[in-house]
Amino acid sequence: MVLTYINQSNGILARLLSSPRAGQVGDLLTAADQRATSSLSHYQAMDYRAAAFDAQDAYQKILNAAQQTNVRVE
């Protein structure tokens, strides 16, 4: 589950960063990056519950950023 959230987030992030509105959601993108990093640290420490929670939160932040910038998510 963790890797799915991270991979999906990265796909959306690529589209977000190419948007001229990306600067409007810089704080959300930074927060998402921090949560994704935390998720991977938890995963490496075999704390899978915390890893999944942080990965899902990072994904939700990316979705919110996409919505705010009108970036299409498929």
Foldseek 3Di string as FASTA:
>chain_A
DLVVLVVLLVVLVVQLVVAPCNVVLVVLLVQLVVLNVVLVVCVVVVVNVSNVVSSVSSSVSSVVSCVVRVNDRD
